[in-house]
Amino acid sequence: MRRQTLKFTRMVAPELKDEFLKSLCDECPIENHVSVKLPVVLERFKIDFKTLQMMLIEFRDLELISDLNIRQVSNVFHVTISYRAKNFIDSGGFVFMQKIAALAVGKLTLDVEKLTLEIQLLYAEIDNLSHSNPTVAERLFAIVSNIATIAGVAGAFVK
């Protein structure tokens, strides 16, 4: 269930998640169990019940809230806002997390490209060496091939 929840909530804009979580932090006492009017939230944020439920489940999984009790047939949902939620929002929230993830992927892409270039240079050196010492060249070729395979696997995750 958690994997499906996180996959679904990735489709919700991080700005919306930040706005909603910030409103909970601003309007509800931290570390107190509160009741929140469901129709008011759905109207204010222009979302459906399923989107709200999935965001709240993600917040719970990230330990930003606890004691979550939400039912579509009820006019309220119950939740405890954690001090972590306030710290999370103050630190940039989901938008910041998204930017950090993008930077990490970008850096990994550059690292893979650099490693690919280094491997190409090693192949050229091995080719030159193979004319003078075939046994050493074969061993080096096997090592470089293994590194290239690993780089290719890492590159597949980046693309």
Protein backbone atom coordinates (compact mmCIF):
# COMPACT_ATOMS: atom_id res chain seq x y z
CA MET A 1 0.00 0.00 0.00
CA ARG A 2 2.78 2.47 0.85
CA ARG A 3 4.47 2.10 -2.55
CA GLN A 4 1.18 2.78 -4.37
CA THR A 5 0.48 5.76 -2.13
CA LEU A 6 3.82 7.40 -2.81
CA LYS A 7 3.50 6.72 -6.54
CA PHE A 8 0.09 8.39 -6.59
CA THR A 9 1.11 11.39 -4.52
CA ARG A 10 4.03 12.09 -6.81
CA MET A 11 1.40 13.11 -9.33
CA VAL A 12 0.19 15.78 -6.89
CA ALA A 13 2.12 19.00 -7.35
CA PRO A 14 4.64 19.55 -4.55
CA GLU A 15 3.39 23.14 -4.32
CA LEU A 16 -0.11 21.87 -3.46
CA LYS A 17 1.26 19.47 -0.83
CA ASP A 18 3.30 22.31 0.68
CA GLU A 19 0.35 24.70 0.68
CA PHE A 20 -1.93 22.15 2.34
CA LEU A 21 0.63 21.05 4.93
CA LYS A 22 1.49 24.67 5.72
CA SER A 23 -2.19 25.46 6.28
CA LEU A 24 -2.46 22.51 8.68
CA CYS A 25 0.59 23.74 10.57
CA ASP A 26 -0.67 27.33 10.67
CA GLU A 27 -4.26 26.57 11.62
CA CYS A 28 -3.93 23.57 13.94
CA PRO A 29 -2.07 23.34 17.22
CA ILE A 30 1.10 21.28 16.87
CA GLU A 31 1.11 17.92 18.69
CA ASN A 32 -2.62 18.15 19.50
CA HIS A 33 -5.29 15.87 18.08
CA VAL A 34 -7.64 18.03 15.99
CA SER A 35 -10.75 17.68 13.87
CA VAL A 36 -10.68 19.30 10.43
CA LYS A 37 -13.80 19.94 8.35
CA LEU A 38 -13.55 17.78 5.26
CA PRO A 39 -15.81 19.79 2.89
CA VAL A 40 -13.95 23.01 3.74
CA VAL A 41 -10.58 21.47 2.86
CA LEU A 42 -11.85 19.90 -0.37
CA GLU A 43 -13.34 23.21 -1.50
CA ARG A 44 -10.46 25.41 -0.39
CA PHE A 45 -7.79 23.34 -2.13
CA LYS A 46 -9.98 22.30 -5.09
CA ILE A 47 -9.17 18.60 -4.66
CA ASP A 48 -11.18 15.42 -4.46
CA PHE A 49 -11.37 13.10 -1.47
CA LYS A 50 -8.93 10.53 -2.90
CA THR A 51 -6.24 13.18 -3.48
CA LEU A 52 -6.66 14.50 0.06
CA GLN A 53 -6.53 10.99 1.48
CA MET A 54 -3.38 10.11 -0.45
CA MET A 55 -1.62 13.33 0.62
CA LEU A 56 -2.51 12.68 4.26
CA ILE A 57 -1.28 9.09 4.01
CA GLU A 58 2.01 10.32 2.56
CA PHE A 59 2.29 12.89 5.36
CA ARG A 60 1.69 10.09 7.87
CA ASP A 61 4.28 7.83 6.19
CA LEU A 62 6.80 10.68 6.43
CA GLU A 63 5.85 11.12 10.12
CA LEU A 64 4.65 14.68 9.52
CA ILE A 65 1.27 13.75 11.01
CA SER A 66 -0.06 10.94 13.17
CA ASP A 67 -3.34 9.57 14.50
CA LEU A 68 -4.92 9.96 11.06
CA ASN A 69 -8.60 9.04 10.87
CA ILE A 70 -10.28 9.98 7.59
CA ARG A 71 -13.52 8.59 6.15
CA GLN A 72 -15.30 9.76 3.05
CA VAL A 73 -18.68 9.39 4.77
CA SER A 74 -17.70 11.77 7.56
CA ASN A 75 -17.71 15.57 7.51
CA VAL A 76 -14.45 15.75 9.47
CA PHE A 77 -11.12 14.01 9.60
CA HIS A 78 -8.97 13.71 12.69
CA VAL A 79 -5.21 14.16 12.79
CA THR A 80 -2.29 15.17 14.97
CA ILE A 81 0.18 17.56 13.33
CA SER A 82 3.77 16.73 14.27
CA TYR A 83 6.44 19.29 15.07
CA ARG A 84 8.30 17.67 12.15
CA ALA A 85 5.67 19.04 9.77
CA LYS A 86 6.44 22.62 10.79
CA ASN A 87 10.19 22.01 10.50
CA PHE A 88 9.69 20.32 7.13
CA ILE A 89 7.70 23.27 5.74
CA ASP A 90 10.16 25.77 7.21
CA SER A 91 12.99 23.86 5.48
CA GLY A 92 11.40 24.12 2.02
CA GLY A 93 8.94 21.25 2.04
CA PHE A 94 8.16 19.07 -0.95
CA VAL A 95 9.30 21.69 -3.48
CA PHE A 96 12.77 21.69 -1.90
CA MET A 97 12.82 17.87 -1.85
CA GLN A 98 11.98 17.83 -5.56
CA LYS A 99 14.77 20.30 -6.34
CA ILE A 100 17.30 18.28 -4.33
CA ALA A 101 16.27 15.08 -6.13
CA ALA A 102 16.64 16.79 -9.52
CA LEU A 103 20.12 18.03 -8.57
CA ALA A 104 21.12 14.55 -7.39
CA VAL A 105 19.97 12.98 -10.66
CA GLY A 106 21.82 15.67 -12.60
CA LYS A 107 25.02 15.02 -10.68
CA LEU A 108 24.67 11.27 -11.19
CA THR A 109 24.20 11.85 -14.92
CA LEU A 110 27.40 13.90 -15.06
CA ASP A 111 29.27 11.25 -13.07
CA VAL A 112 28.12 8.50 -15.46
CA GLU A 113 29.11 10.59 -18.49
CA LYS A 114 32.56 11.24 -16.97
CA LEU A 115 33.02 7.55 -16.17
CA THR A 116 31.97 6.62 -19.70
CA LEU A 117 34.61 8.94 -21.14
CA GLU A 118 37.26 7.50 -18.81
CA ILE A 119 36.30 3.98 -19.87
CA GLN A 120 36.63 4.91 -23.54
CA LEU A 121 40.13 6.27 -22.85
CA LEU A 122 41.03 3.05 -21.00
CA TYR A 123 39.82 0.96 -23.94
CA ALA A 124 42.14 2.94 -26.21
CA GLU A 125 45.08 2.41 -23.83
CA ILE A 126 44.31 -1.31 -23.60
CA ASP A 127 44.23 -1.53 -27.36
CA ASN A 128 47.69 0.05 -27.53
CA LEU A 129 48.95 -2.25 -24.75
CA SER A 130 47.58 -5.38 -26.38
CA HIS A 131 50.20 -5.13 -29.08
CA SER A 132 53.05 -5.29 -26.53
CA ASN A 133 51.59 -7.59 -23.80
CA PRO A 134 48.41 -9.50 -24.75
CA THR A 135 47.89 -11.22 -21.34
CA VAL A 136 47.91 -7.98 -19.33
CA ALA A 137 45.71 -6.37 -21.96
CA GLU A 138 43.11 -9.15 -21.68
CA ARG A 139 42.96 -8.77 -17.89
CA LEU A 140 42.60 -5.00 -18.12
CA PHE A 141 39.96 -5.39 -20.79
CA ALA A 142 37.92 -7.67 -18.50
CA ILE A 143 38.16 -5.18 -15.61
CA VAL A 144 37.17 -2.23 -17.78
CA SER A 145 34.30 -4.23 -19.29
CA ASN A 146 32.95 -4.92 -15.81
CA ILE A 147 33.20 -1.22 -14.93
CA ALA A 148 31.44 -0.31 -18.18
CA THR A 149 28.62 -2.71 -17.35
CA ILE A 150 28.18 -1.13 -13.92
CA ALA A 151 28.24 2.37 -15.44
CA GLY A 152 25.65 1.28 -18.00
CA VAL A 153 23.37 -0.01 -15.27
CA ALA A 154 23.75 3.23 -13.30
CA GLY A 155 23.11 5.21 -16.48
CA ALA A 156 19.87 3.31 -17.08
CA PHE A 157 18.53 4.58 -13.75
CA VAL A 158 19.40 8.16 -14.63
CA LYS A 159 17.69 8.25 -18.04
